All heavy atoms as atom14 arrays in JSON, in Angstrom:
{
  "sequence": "LKSALIQSTELVDNKIISVLRRYFKTEEVTVRYQYVHPTPKP",
  "atom14_mask": [
    [1, 1, 1, 1, 1, 1, 1, 1, 0, 0, 0, 0, 0, 0],
    [1, 1, 1, 1, 1, 1, 1, 1, 1, 0, 0, 0, 0, 0],
    [1, 1, 1, 1, 1, 1, 0, 0, 0, 0, 0, 0, 0, 0],
    [1, 1, 1, 1, 1, 0, 0, 0, 0, 0, 0, 0, 0, 0],
    [1, 1, 1, 1, 1, 1, 1, 1, 0, 0, 0, 0, 0, 0],
    [1, 1, 1, 1, 1, 1, 1, 1, 0, 0, 0, 0, 0, 0],
    [1, 1, 1, 1, 1, 1, 1, 1, 1, 0, 0, 0, 0, 0],
    [1, 1, 1, 1, 1, 1, 0, 0, 0, 0, 0, 0, 0, 0],
    [1, 1, 1, 1, 1, 1, 1, 0, 0, 0, 0, 0, 0, 0],
    [1, 1, 1, 1, 1, 1, 1, 1, 1, 0, 0, 0, 0, 0],
    [1, 1, 1, 1, 1, 1, 1, 1, 0, 0, 0, 0, 0, 0],
    [1, 1, 1, 1, 1, 1, 1, 0, 0, 0, 0, 0, 0, 0],
    [1, 1, 1, 1, 1, 1, 1, 1, 0, 0, 0, 0, 0, 0],
    [1, 1, 1, 1, 1, 1, 1, 1, 0, 0, 0, 0, 0, 0],
    [1, 1, 1, 1, 1, 1, 1, 1, 1, 0, 0, 0, 0, 0],
    [1, 1, 1, 1, 1, 1, 1, 1, 0, 0, 0, 0, 0, 0],
    [1, 1, 1, 1, 1, 1, 1, 1, 0, 0, 0, 0, 0, 0],
    [1, 1, 1, 1, 1, 1, 0, 0, 0, 0, 0, 0, 0, 0],
    [1, 1, 1, 1, 1, 1, 1, 0, 0, 0, 0, 0, 0, 0],
    [1, 1, 1, 1, 1, 1, 1, 1, 0, 0, 0, 0, 0, 0],
    [1, 1, 1, 1, 1, 1, 1, 1, 1, 1, 1, 0, 0, 0],
    [1, 1, 1, 1, 1, 1, 1, 1, 1, 1, 1, 0, 0, 0],
    [1, 1, 1, 1, 1, 1, 1, 1, 1, 1, 1, 1, 0, 0],
    [1, 1, 1, 1, 1, 1, 1, 1, 1, 1, 1, 0, 0, 0],
    [1, 1, 1, 1, 1, 1, 1, 1, 1, 0, 0, 0, 0, 0],
    [1, 1, 1, 1, 1, 1, 1, 0, 0, 0, 0, 0, 0, 0],
    [1, 1, 1, 1, 1, 1, 1, 1, 1, 0, 0, 0, 0, 0],
    [1, 1, 1, 1, 1, 1, 1, 1, 1, 0, 0, 0, 0, 0],
    [1, 1, 1, 1, 1, 1, 1, 0, 0, 0, 0, 0, 0, 0],
    [1, 1, 1, 1, 1, 1, 1, 0, 0, 0, 0, 0, 0, 0],
    [1, 1, 1, 1, 1, 1, 1, 0, 0, 0, 0, 0, 0, 0],
    [1, 1, 1, 1, 1, 1, 1, 1, 1, 1, 1, 0, 0, 0],
    [1, 1, 1, 1, 1, 1, 1, 1, 1, 1, 1, 1, 0, 0],
    [1, 1, 1, 1, 1, 1, 1, 1, 1, 0, 0, 0, 0, 0],
    [1, 1, 1, 1, 1, 1, 1, 1, 1, 1, 1, 1, 0, 0],
    [1, 1, 1, 1, 1, 1, 1, 0, 0, 0, 0, 0, 0, 0],
    [1, 1, 1, 1, 1, 1, 1, 1, 1, 1, 0, 0, 0, 0],
    [1, 1, 1, 1, 1, 1, 1, 0, 0, 0, 0, 0, 0, 0],
    [1, 1, 1, 1, 1, 1, 1, 0, 0, 0, 0, 0, 0, 0],
    [1, 1, 1, 1, 1, 1, 1, 0, 0, 0, 0, 0, 0, 0],
    [1, 1, 1, 1, 1, 1, 1, 1, 1, 0, 0, 0, 0, 0],
    [1, 1, 1, 1, 1, 1, 1, 0, 0, 0, 0, 0, 0, 0]
  ],
  "atom14_positions": [
    [[0.84, -1.24, 0.02], [-0.02, 0.0, -0.02], [0.92, 1.29, 0.01], [1.97, 1.25, 0.57], [-0.93, 0.0, 1.27], [-1.92, -1.09, 1.36], [-2.68, -0.94, 2.66], [-2.92, -1.08, 0.24], [0.0, 0.0, 0.0], [0.0, 0.0, 0.0], [0.0, 0.0, 0.0], [0.0, 0.0, 0.0], [0.0, 0.0, 0.0], [0.0, 0.0, 0.0]],
    [[0.39, 2.27, -0.69], [1.14, 3.58, -0.63], [0.92, 4.13, 0.81], [-0.16, 3.87, 1.42], [0.85, 4.55, -1.66], [-0.53, 5.13, -1.66], [-0.67, 6.15, -2.77], [-2.03, 6.86, -2.7], [-2.2, 7.91, -3.77], [0.0, 0.0, 0.0], [0.0, 0.0, 0.0], [0.0, 0.0, 0.0], [0.0, 0.0, 0.0], [0.0, 0.0, 0.0]],
    [[1.94, 4.78, 1.37], [1.71, 5.3, 2.67], [2.52, 6.66, 2.88], [3.21, 7.11, 2.04], [2.39, 4.14, 3.69], [3.83, 4.1, 3.32], [0.0, 0.0, 0.0], [0.0, 0.0, 0.0], [0.0, 0.0, 0.0], [0.0, 0.0, 0.0], [0.0, 0.0, 0.0], [0.0, 0.0, 0.0], [0.0, 0.0, 0.0], [0.0, 0.0, 0.0]],
    [[2.34, 7.2, 4.14], [3.08, 8.42, 4.47], [3.5, 8.16, 5.97], [2.73, 7.66, 6.76], [2.1, 9.63, 4.4], [0.0, 0.0, 0.0], [0.0, 0.0, 0.0], [0.0, 0.0, 0.0], [0.0, 0.0, 0.0], [0.0, 0.0, 0.0], [0.0, 0.0, 0.0], [0.0, 0.0, 0.0], [0.0, 0.0, 0.0], [0.0, 0.0, 0.0]],
    [[4.82, 8.62, 6.13], [5.4, 8.47, 7.45], [5.54, 9.83, 8.15], [6.19, 10.67, 7.66], [6.77, 7.83, 7.35], [7.56, 7.46, 8.61], [6.78, 6.33, 9.31], [8.95, 7.12, 8.34], [0.0, 0.0, 0.0], [0.0, 0.0, 0.0], [0.0, 0.0, 0.0], [0.0, 0.0, 0.0], [0.0, 0.0, 0.0], [0.0, 0.0, 0.0]],
    [[4.74, 9.9, 9.3], [4.88, 11.18, 10.12], [5.62, 10.88, 11.28], [5.45, 10.05, 12.08], [3.38, 11.58, 10.5], [2.46, 11.86, 9.32], [3.51, 12.88, 11.4], [1.09, 12.07, 9.72], [0.0, 0.0, 0.0], [0.0, 0.0, 0.0], [0.0, 0.0, 0.0], [0.0, 0.0, 0.0], [0.0, 0.0, 0.0], [0.0, 0.0, 0.0]],
    [[6.86, 11.57, 11.28], [7.79, 11.25, 12.28], [7.26, 11.69, 13.72], [6.51, 12.63, 13.86], [9.15, 11.76, 12.01], [9.66, 11.24, 10.61], [11.16, 11.66, 10.35], [11.96, 11.34, 11.17], [11.34, 12.25, 9.14], [0.0, 0.0, 0.0], [0.0, 0.0, 0.0], [0.0, 0.0, 0.0], [0.0, 0.0, 0.0], [0.0, 0.0, 0.0]],
    [[7.92, 11.14, 14.76], [7.41, 11.34, 16.15], [7.63, 12.8, 16.56], [6.93, 13.31, 17.51], [8.16, 10.43, 17.23], [9.53, 10.64, 17.15], [0.0, 0.0, 0.0], [0.0, 0.0, 0.0], [0.0, 0.0, 0.0], [0.0, 0.0, 0.0], [0.0, 0.0, 0.0], [0.0, 0.0, 0.0], [0.0, 0.0, 0.0], [0.0, 0.0, 0.0]],
    [[8.56, 13.52, 15.89], [8.78, 14.85, 16.26], [7.94, 15.89, 15.43], [7.92, 17.12, 15.73], [10.3, 15.23, 15.89], [10.55, 14.84, 14.57], [11.15, 14.42, 16.84], [0.0, 0.0, 0.0], [0.0, 0.0, 0.0], [0.0, 0.0, 0.0], [0.0, 0.0, 0.0], [0.0, 0.0, 0.0], [0.0, 0.0, 0.0], [0.0, 0.0, 0.0]],
    [[7.2, 15.38, 14.48], [6.31, 16.26, 13.69], [4.99, 16.43, 14.38], [4.48, 15.58, 15.17], [6.01, 15.67, 12.3], [7.25, 15.66, 11.38], [6.97, 15.05, 10.01], [6.57, 15.82, 9.18], [7.05, 13.85, 9.76], [0.0, 0.0, 0.0], [0.0, 0.0, 0.0], [0.0, 0.0, 0.0], [0.0, 0.0, 0.0], [0.0, 0.0, 0.0]],
    [[4.35, 17.53, 14.19], [3.04, 17.81, 14.76], [1.97, 17.78, 13.73], [2.0, 18.43, 12.77], [2.99, 19.26, 15.44], [1.71, 19.65, 16.0], [1.38, 18.78, 17.27], [1.79, 21.07, 16.49], [0.0, 0.0, 0.0], [0.0, 0.0, 0.0], [0.0, 0.0, 0.0], [0.0, 0.0, 0.0], [0.0, 0.0, 0.0], [0.0, 0.0, 0.0]],
    [[1.0, 16.94, 13.92], [-0.2, 16.81, 13.07], [-0.98, 18.03, 13.13], [-1.61, 18.21, 14.26], [-1.01, 15.43, 13.35], [-2.27, 15.56, 12.47], [-0.09, 14.21, 13.01], [0.0, 0.0, 0.0], [0.0, 0.0, 0.0], [0.0, 0.0, 0.0], [0.0, 0.0, 0.0], [0.0, 0.0, 0.0], [0.0, 0.0, 0.0], [0.0, 0.0, 0.0]],
    [[-1.15, 18.8, 12.2], [-2.07, 19.87, 12.08], [-2.92, 19.94, 10.8], [-2.89, 18.99, 10.01], [-1.21, 21.19, 12.14], [-0.17, 21.3, 11.03], [-0.27, 20.59, 10.07], [0.8, 22.1, 11.21], [0.0, 0.0, 0.0], [0.0, 0.0, 0.0], [0.0, 0.0, 0.0], [0.0, 0.0, 0.0], [0.0, 0.0, 0.0], [0.0, 0.0, 0.0]],
    [[-3.69, 20.99, 10.61], [-4.62, 21.02, 9.42], [-3.84, 20.99, 8.11], [-4.34, 20.46, 7.15], [-5.55, 22.24, 9.55], [-6.59, 22.08, 10.59], [-7.13, 20.93, 10.65], [-6.84, 23.05, 11.4], [0.0, 0.0, 0.0], [0.0, 0.0, 0.0], [0.0, 0.0, 0.0], [0.0, 0.0, 0.0], [0.0, 0.0, 0.0], [0.0, 0.0, 0.0]],
    [[-2.65, 21.57, 8.04], [-1.9, 21.61, 6.83], [-1.47, 20.11, 6.47], [-1.55, 19.7, 5.37], [-0.63, 22.42, 7.06], [0.26, 22.51, 5.78], [1.45, 23.41, 5.95], [2.31, 23.55, 4.73], [3.53, 24.43, 4.92], [0.0, 0.0, 0.0], [0.0, 0.0, 0.0], [0.0, 0.0, 0.0], [0.0, 0.0, 0.0], [0.0, 0.0, 0.0]],
    [[-0.91, 19.35, 7.46], [-0.61, 18.0, 7.17], [-1.85, 17.24, 6.81], [-1.76, 16.34, 5.8], [0.1, 17.39, 8.48], [1.55, 17.89, 8.48], [-0.01, 15.82, 8.37], [2.32, 17.25, 9.67], [0.0, 0.0, 0.0], [0.0, 0.0, 0.0], [0.0, 0.0, 0.0], [0.0, 0.0, 0.0], [0.0, 0.0, 0.0], [0.0, 0.0, 0.0]],
    [[-2.82, 17.33, 7.45], [-4.12, 16.67, 7.1], [-4.56, 16.89, 5.61], [-4.91, 16.11, 4.83], [-5.24, 16.98, 8.05], [-4.88, 16.42, 9.41], [-6.53, 16.34, 7.62], [-4.84, 14.89, 9.51], [0.0, 0.0, 0.0], [0.0, 0.0, 0.0], [0.0, 0.0, 0.0], [0.0, 0.0, 0.0], [0.0, 0.0, 0.0], [0.0, 0.0, 0.0]],
    [[-4.4, 18.22, 5.21], [-4.76, 18.59, 3.81], [-3.9, 17.88, 2.82], [-4.36, 17.48, 1.79], [-4.69, 20.18, 3.81], [-4.97, 20.59, 2.53], [0.0, 0.0, 0.0], [0.0, 0.0, 0.0], [0.0, 0.0, 0.0], [0.0, 0.0, 0.0], [0.0, 0.0, 0.0], [0.0, 0.0, 0.0], [0.0, 0.0, 0.0], [0.0, 0.0, 0.0]],
    [[-2.65, 17.91, 3.15], [-1.68, 17.21, 2.27], [-2.01, 15.75, 2.12], [-1.98, 15.13, 1.05], [-0.24, 17.47, 2.76], [0.7, 16.54, 1.97], [0.22, 18.87, 2.7], [0.0, 0.0, 0.0], [0.0, 0.0, 0.0], [0.0, 0.0, 0.0], [0.0, 0.0, 0.0], [0.0, 0.0, 0.0], [0.0, 0.0, 0.0], [0.0, 0.0, 0.0]],
    [[-2.25, 15.03, 3.19], [-2.65, 13.67, 3.26], [-3.98, 13.38, 2.43], [-4.02, 12.35, 1.78], [-2.8, 13.16, 4.61], [-1.51, 13.05, 5.53], [-1.86, 12.67, 6.9], [-0.52, 12.05, 4.99], [0.0, 0.0, 0.0], [0.0, 0.0, 0.0], [0.0, 0.0, 0.0], [0.0, 0.0, 0.0], [0.0, 0.0, 0.0], [0.0, 0.0, 0.0]],
    [[-4.93, 14.37, 2.49], [-6.07, 14.05, 1.8], [-5.89, 14.11, 0.24], [-6.43, 13.34, -0.5], [-7.07, 15.15, 2.21], [-7.8, 14.91, 3.54], [-8.8, 15.99, 3.9], [-9.37, 15.83, 5.12], [-10.06, 16.75, 5.79], [-10.23, 17.92, 5.21], [-10.59, 16.44, 7.04], [0.0, 0.0, 0.0], [0.0, 0.0, 0.0], [0.0, 0.0, 0.0]],
    [[-5.02, 15.15, -0.08], [-4.75, 15.13, -1.61], [-3.83, 13.91, -2.04], [-3.99, 13.37, -3.07], [-3.88, 16.43, -1.84], [-4.69, 17.68, -1.66], [-4.0, 18.95, -2.38], [-2.67, 19.15, -1.8], [-2.53, 19.94, -0.78], [-3.54, 20.6, -0.14], [-1.26, 20.15, -0.36], [0.0, 0.0, 0.0], [0.0, 0.0, 0.0], [0.0, 0.0, 0.0]],
    [[-3.06, 13.48, -1.16], [-2.17, 12.36, -1.52], [-2.95, 11.1, -1.67], [-2.79, 10.18, -2.6], [-1.08, 12.13, -0.46], [-0.21, 10.97, -0.68], [0.71, 10.94, -1.79], [-0.02, 10.06, 0.25], [1.55, 9.83, -2.01], [0.8, 8.91, 0.03], [1.58, 8.85, -1.12], [2.45, 7.8, -1.28], [0.0, 0.0, 0.0], [0.0, 0.0, 0.0]],
    [[-3.77, 10.76, -0.63], [-4.53, 9.54, -0.6], [-5.88, 9.61, -1.35], [-6.47, 8.55, -1.7], [-4.78, 9.05, 0.84], [-3.6, 8.64, 1.58], [-3.09, 9.36, 2.68], [-2.89, 7.46, 1.31], [-1.92, 8.92, 3.32], [-1.87, 6.92, 1.9], [-1.31, 7.65, 2.94], [0.0, 0.0, 0.0], [0.0, 0.0, 0.0], [0.0, 0.0, 0.0]],
    [[-6.39, 10.78, -1.55], [-7.65, 11.05, -2.28], [-8.76, 10.25, -1.56], [-9.58, 9.56, -2.19], [-7.47, 10.55, -3.64], [-6.51, 11.32, -4.53], [-6.54, 10.91, -5.95], [-5.68, 11.85, -6.93], [-4.28, 11.85, -6.42], [0.0, 0.0, 0.0], [0.0, 0.0, 0.0], [0.0, 0.0, 0.0], [0.0, 0.0, 0.0], [0.0, 0.0, 0.0]],
    [[-8.76, 10.45, -0.24], [-9.76, 9.69, 0.59], [-9.99, 10.49, 1.92], [-9.05, 11.32, 2.32], [-9.27, 8.27, 0.93], [-10.35, 7.54, 1.63], [-8.0, 8.28, 1.56], [0.0, 0.0, 0.0], [0.0, 0.0, 0.0], [0.0, 0.0, 0.0], [0.0, 0.0, 0.0], [0.0, 0.0, 0.0], [0.0, 0.0, 0.0], [0.0, 0.0, 0.0]],
    [[-10.97, 10.18, 2.57], [-11.35, 10.82, 3.82], [-10.97, 9.94, 4.95], [-11.11, 10.29, 6.16], [-12.79, 11.19, 3.84], [-13.19, 12.4, 3.03], [-12.61, 13.75, 3.58], [-12.69, 13.92, 4.77], [-12.32, 14.57, 2.81], [0.0, 0.0, 0.0], [0.0, 0.0, 0.0], [0.0, 0.0, 0.0], [0.0, 0.0, 0.0], [0.0, 0.0, 0.0]],
    [[-10.54, 8.67, 4.76], [-10.26, 7.73, 5.66], [-8.92, 7.03, 5.38], [-8.56, 6.93, 4.24], [-11.26, 6.62, 5.79], [-12.49, 6.94, 6.48], [-13.46, 5.78, 6.76], [-13.64, 5.03, 5.74], [-13.9, 5.7, 7.93], [0.0, 0.0, 0.0], [0.0, 0.0, 0.0], [0.0, 0.0, 0.0], [0.0, 0.0, 0.0], [0.0, 0.0, 0.0]],
    [[-8.18, 6.71, 6.44], [-6.84, 6.02, 6.26], [-6.76, 4.88, 7.26], [-7.42, 4.78, 8.26], [-5.7, 6.99, 6.45], [-5.66, 8.01, 5.23], [-5.71, 7.71, 7.72], [0.0, 0.0, 0.0], [0.0, 0.0, 0.0], [0.0, 0.0, 0.0], [0.0, 0.0, 0.0], [0.0, 0.0, 0.0], [0.0, 0.0, 0.0], [0.0, 0.0, 0.0]],
    [[-5.76, 3.97, 6.91], [-5.4, 2.93, 7.97], [-4.08, 3.42, 8.63], [-3.32, 3.95, 8.03], [-5.15, 1.58, 7.22], [-6.35, 1.11, 6.69], [-4.62, 0.59, 8.19], [0.0, 0.0, 0.0], [0.0, 0.0, 0.0], [0.0, 0.0, 0.0], [0.0, 0.0, 0.0], [0.0, 0.0, 0.0], [0.0, 0.0, 0.0], [0.0, 0.0, 0.0]],
    [[-4.01, 3.2, 9.93], [-2.86, 3.67, 10.73], [-2.11, 2.49, 11.3], [-2.76, 1.68, 11.92], [-3.32, 4.67, 11.84], [-2.1, 5.16, 12.67], [-3.97, 5.91, 11.23], [0.0, 0.0, 0.0], [0.0, 0.0, 0.0], [0.0, 0.0, 0.0], [0.0, 0.0, 0.0], [0.0, 0.0, 0.0], [0.0, 0.0, 0.0], [0.0, 0.0, 0.0]],
    [[-0.78, 2.51, 11.05], [0.14, 1.57, 11.71], [1.15, 2.37, 12.45], [1.15, 3.68, 12.4], [0.76, 0.63, 10.67], [-0.28, -0.24, 9.94], [0.39, -1.12, 8.98], [1.16, -2.25, 9.66], [2.12, -2.95, 9.16], [2.56, -2.76, 7.9], [2.8, -3.89, 9.81], [0.0, 0.0, 0.0], [0.0, 0.0, 0.0], [0.0, 0.0, 0.0]],
    [[2.03, 1.76, 13.19], [3.0, 2.39, 14.07], [4.29, 1.72, 13.87], [4.58, 0.57, 13.83], [2.55, 2.22, 15.55], [1.19, 2.75, 15.78], [0.06, 1.92, 15.7], [0.89, 4.06, 16.13], [-1.22, 2.28, 15.88], [-0.36, 4.53, 16.35], [-1.42, 3.69, 16.25], [-2.81, 4.18, 16.43], [0.0, 0.0, 0.0], [0.0, 0.0, 0.0]],
    [[5.38, 2.77, 13.71], [6.74, 2.3, 13.63], [7.43, 2.8, 14.99], [7.56, 3.91, 15.19], [7.51, 3.03, 12.43], [8.9, 2.79, 12.46], [9.4, 1.4, 12.34], [9.29, 0.71, 11.39], [10.06, 0.81, 13.41], [0.0, 0.0, 0.0], [0.0, 0.0, 0.0], [0.0, 0.0, 0.0], [0.0, 0.0, 0.0], [0.0, 0.0, 0.0]],
    [[7.77, 1.81, 15.79], [8.36, 2.14, 17.11], [9.66, 2.71, 16.99], [10.58, 2.22, 16.28], [8.26, 0.9, 18.02], [6.93, 0.73, 18.48], [6.06, -0.16, 17.69], [6.19, 1.37, 19.53], [4.68, -0.4, 18.07], [4.93, 1.02, 19.86], [4.08, 0.21, 19.24], [2.84, -0.03, 19.44], [0.0, 0.0, 0.0], [0.0, 0.0, 0.0]],
    [[10.1, 3.76, 17.79], [11.39, 4.28, 17.87], [12.0, 4.13, 19.32], [13.17, 4.36, 19.52], [11.52, 5.72, 17.41], [11.08, 5.93, 15.98], [10.5, 6.59, 18.33], [0.0, 0.0, 0.0], [0.0, 0.0, 0.0], [0.0, 0.0, 0.0], [0.0, 0.0, 0.0], [0.0, 0.0, 0.0], [0.0, 0.0, 0.0], [0.0, 0.0, 0.0]],
    [[11.19, 3.82, 20.23], [11.53, 3.52, 21.65], [10.79, 2.23, 22.12], [9.6, 2.02, 21.76], [11.2, 4.7, 22.51], [11.89, 5.97, 22.17], [13.32, 6.07, 22.28], [11.43, 7.17, 21.77], [13.61, 7.26, 21.88], [12.51, 7.95, 21.64], [0.0, 0.0, 0.0], [0.0, 0.0, 0.0], [0.0, 0.0, 0.0], [0.0, 0.0, 0.0]],
    [[11.44, 1.42, 22.92], [10.69, 0.37, 23.61], [9.45, 0.75, 24.41], [9.5, 1.88, 24.97], [11.79, -0.33, 24.49], [13.09, 0.13, 23.86], [12.78, 1.46, 23.41], [0.0, 0.0, 0.0], [0.0, 0.0, 0.0], [0.0, 0.0, 0.0], [0.0, 0.0, 0.0], [0.0, 0.0, 0.0], [0.0, 0.0, 0.0], [0.0, 0.0, 0.0]],
    [[8.49, -0.13, 24.29], [7.29, 0.16, 25.09], [6.72, -1.16, 25.62], [6.69, -2.16, 24.92], [6.18, 0.88, 24.11], [4.97, 1.08, 24.93], [5.85, 0.06, 22.97], [0.0, 0.0, 0.0], [0.0, 0.0, 0.0], [0.0, 0.0, 0.0], [0.0, 0.0, 0.0], [0.0, 0.0, 0.0], [0.0, 0.0, 0.0], [0.0, 0.0, 0.0]],
    [[6.19, -1.11, 26.94], [5.63, -2.37, 27.41], [4.23, -2.6, 26.83], [3.8, -3.74, 26.97], [5.57, -1.9, 28.96], [5.38, -0.54, 28.89], [6.25, -0.01, 27.91], [0.0, 0.0, 0.0], [0.0, 0.0, 0.0], [0.0, 0.0, 0.0], [0.0, 0.0, 0.0], [0.0, 0.0, 0.0], [0.0, 0.0, 0.0], [0.0, 0.0, 0.0]],
    [[3.61, -1.66, 26.28], [2.3, -1.93, 25.73], [2.24, -1.42, 24.24], [1.66, -0.29, 24.04], [1.2, -1.19, 26.57], [1.11, -1.81, 28.03], [-0.01, -1.09, 28.85], [-0.15, -1.7, 30.24], [-1.16, -1.08, 30.96], [0.0, 0.0, 0.0], [0.0, 0.0, 0.0], [0.0, 0.0, 0.0], [0.0, 0.0, 0.0], [0.0, 0.0, 0.0]],
    [[2.69, -2.26, 23.27], [2.44, -1.8, 21.91], [1.07, -1.63, 21.48], [0.22, -2.32, 21.98], [3.28, -2.88, 21.17], [4.07, -3.59, 22.11], [3.4, -3.44, 23.41], [0.0, 0.0, 0.0], [0.0, 0.0, 0.0], [0.0, 0.0, 0.0], [0.0, 0.0, 0.0], [0.0, 0.0, 0.0], [0.0, 0.0, 0.0], [0.0, 0.0, 0.0]]
  ]
}
């Protein structure tokens, strides 16, 4: 699947959402997670 990676230091705002809508051409997306630090509860 085509995808977009929003790094942990980026802030999701309306501008990013607008870009994602144009890129995916959809109002819904599937979300997965790429861990950068260990966590007891993935």
